[in-house]
Amino acid sequence: MYTRKATVTASVGLHARPAAVFVRAVNKTGLPITLAKEGMAPIDGRSLLEVMTADFMCGSEVEISVRDGEHDDGAVRAAVDLLAALLVTDLTDPS
C-alpha cells in the first residue's frame, strides 16, 4: 500500500466544486484511491458523494492511499503525490 498525507487548504474544505475537482482528478488516475482522516474509516476517493459527506474541512489532514494490487508502483506513487499536491491548492479550477 502506498500512502501519503496532505492537508486540505481550500477554504470550504472538500465540498461542492473543490470536491468535484479532486474526485475528477482521482478518477483520471484509474486507481482505487481511498481517503481517510483520523477517527474515520477510509472512503472511496472516486465517489463524489462519499468525499463531500466525509467532512474534510479546511485544515483537515487527509491520508491518501492505494491498496496493493496489479499497479505500476511508479504510477501509483506519481498519482498519489499529484493528488496530495492538489489538496494543498484552493481546488477551484473549473476544468
Protein backbone atom coordinates (compact mmCIF):
# COMPACT_ATOMS: atom_id res chain seq x y z
CA MET A 1 0.00 0.00 0.00
CA TYR A 2 1.28 3.46 -0.82
CA THR A 3 0.06 6.22 1.48
CA ARG A 4 0.67 9.93 1.69
CA LYS A 5 -0.80 12.62 3.93
CA ALA A 6 -1.78 16.14 2.92
CA THR A 7 -3.70 18.99 4.47
CA VAL A 8 -6.82 20.43 2.82
CA THR A 9 -6.30 24.15 2.20
CA ALA A 10 -9.46 25.01 0.23
CA SER A 11 -11.37 27.47 2.42
CA VAL A 12 -14.60 25.45 2.11
CA GLY A 13 -12.84 22.10 2.50
CA LEU A 14 -13.74 19.29 0.12
CA HIS A 15 -17.28 20.44 -0.57
CA ALA A 16 -19.02 21.29 -3.86
CA ARG A 17 -16.56 22.50 -6.51
CA PRO A 18 -13.33 21.56 -4.67
CA ALA A 19 -14.65 18.03 -4.10
CA ALA A 20 -15.66 17.73 -7.75
CA VAL A 21 -12.24 18.92 -8.94
CA PHE A 22 -10.50 16.47 -6.61
CA VAL A 23 -12.73 13.48 -7.49
CA ARG A 24 -12.28 14.18 -11.20
CA ALA A 25 -8.50 14.02 -10.67
CA VAL A 26 -8.84 10.79 -8.68
CA ASN A 27 -10.91 9.20 -11.45
CA LYS A 28 -8.36 10.23 -14.08
CA THR A 29 -5.76 8.09 -12.28
CA GLY A 30 -7.81 4.92 -12.81
CA LEU A 31 -6.63 3.73 -9.39
CA PRO A 32 -8.64 2.60 -6.34
CA ILE A 33 -7.79 5.64 -4.22
CA THR A 34 -9.06 5.81 -0.64
CA LEU A 35 -9.15 8.83 1.64
CA ALA A 36 -9.24 8.90 5.42
CA LYS A 37 -8.71 11.17 8.36
CA GLU A 38 -8.08 10.34 11.98
CA GLY A 39 -11.00 8.53 13.56
CA MET A 40 -12.66 7.75 10.23
CA ALA A 41 -12.82 4.62 8.13
CA PRO A 42 -11.36 5.03 4.62
CA ILE A 43 -13.75 6.14 1.90
CA ASP A 44 -13.68 5.70 -1.87
CA GLY A 45 -11.93 8.75 -3.33
CA ARG A 46 -13.66 8.10 -6.68
CA SER A 47 -17.10 8.85 -5.18
CA LEU A 48 -18.16 12.50 -5.14
CA LEU A 49 -20.92 11.75 -2.65
CA GLU A 50 -18.56 9.99 -0.23
CA VAL A 51 -15.95 12.75 -0.48
CA MET A 52 -18.50 15.53 0.05
CA THR A 53 -20.09 13.84 3.06
CA ALA A 54 -16.80 12.88 4.74
CA ASP A 55 -16.46 16.39 6.16
CA PHE A 56 -12.90 17.12 5.05
CA MET A 57 -12.75 20.72 6.27
CA CYS A 58 -10.03 23.29 5.65
CA GLY A 59 -7.08 22.20 7.77
CA SER A 60 -8.06 18.51 7.82
CA GLU A 61 -5.15 16.12 7.39
CA VAL A 62 -6.13 13.56 4.77
CA GLU A 63 -4.45 10.22 4.21
CA ILE A 64 -4.48 9.25 0.53
CA SER A 65 -3.87 5.55 -0.15
CA VAL A 66 -3.82 2.95 -2.89
CA ARG A 67 -4.07 -0.69 -1.87
CA ASP A 68 -1.52 -3.15 -3.20
CA GLY A 69 -2.54 -4.69 -6.46
CA GLU A 70 -1.52 -5.07 -10.04
CA HIS A 71 -0.48 -1.44 -10.46
CA ASP A 72 2.82 0.03 -11.56
CA ASP A 73 4.50 1.28 -8.37
CA GLY A 74 5.88 4.35 -10.12
CA ALA A 75 2.47 5.29 -11.50
CA VAL A 76 0.85 4.77 -8.09
CA ARG A 77 3.39 6.99 -6.35
CA ALA A 78 3.10 9.67 -9.02
CA ALA A 79 -0.71 9.65 -8.84
CA VAL A 80 -0.85 9.82 -5.04
CA ASP A 81 1.80 12.54 -4.95
CA LEU A 82 -0.17 14.55 -7.54
CA LEU A 83 -3.38 14.19 -5.51
CA ALA A 84 -1.58 15.23 -2.33
CA ALA A 85 -0.25 18.31 -4.12
CA LEU A 86 -3.76 19.06 -5.38
CA LEU A 87 -5.15 19.04 -1.83
CA VAL A 88 -2.87 21.89 -0.84
CA THR A 89 -4.28 24.15 -3.57
CA ASP A 90 -7.59 26.01 -3.47
CA LEU A 91 -9.22 23.39 -5.76
CA THR A 92 -11.40 25.87 -7.61
CA ASP A 93 -10.16 25.09 -11.13
CA PRO A 94 -13.34 24.89 -13.22
CA SER A 95 -11.84 22.41 -15.75
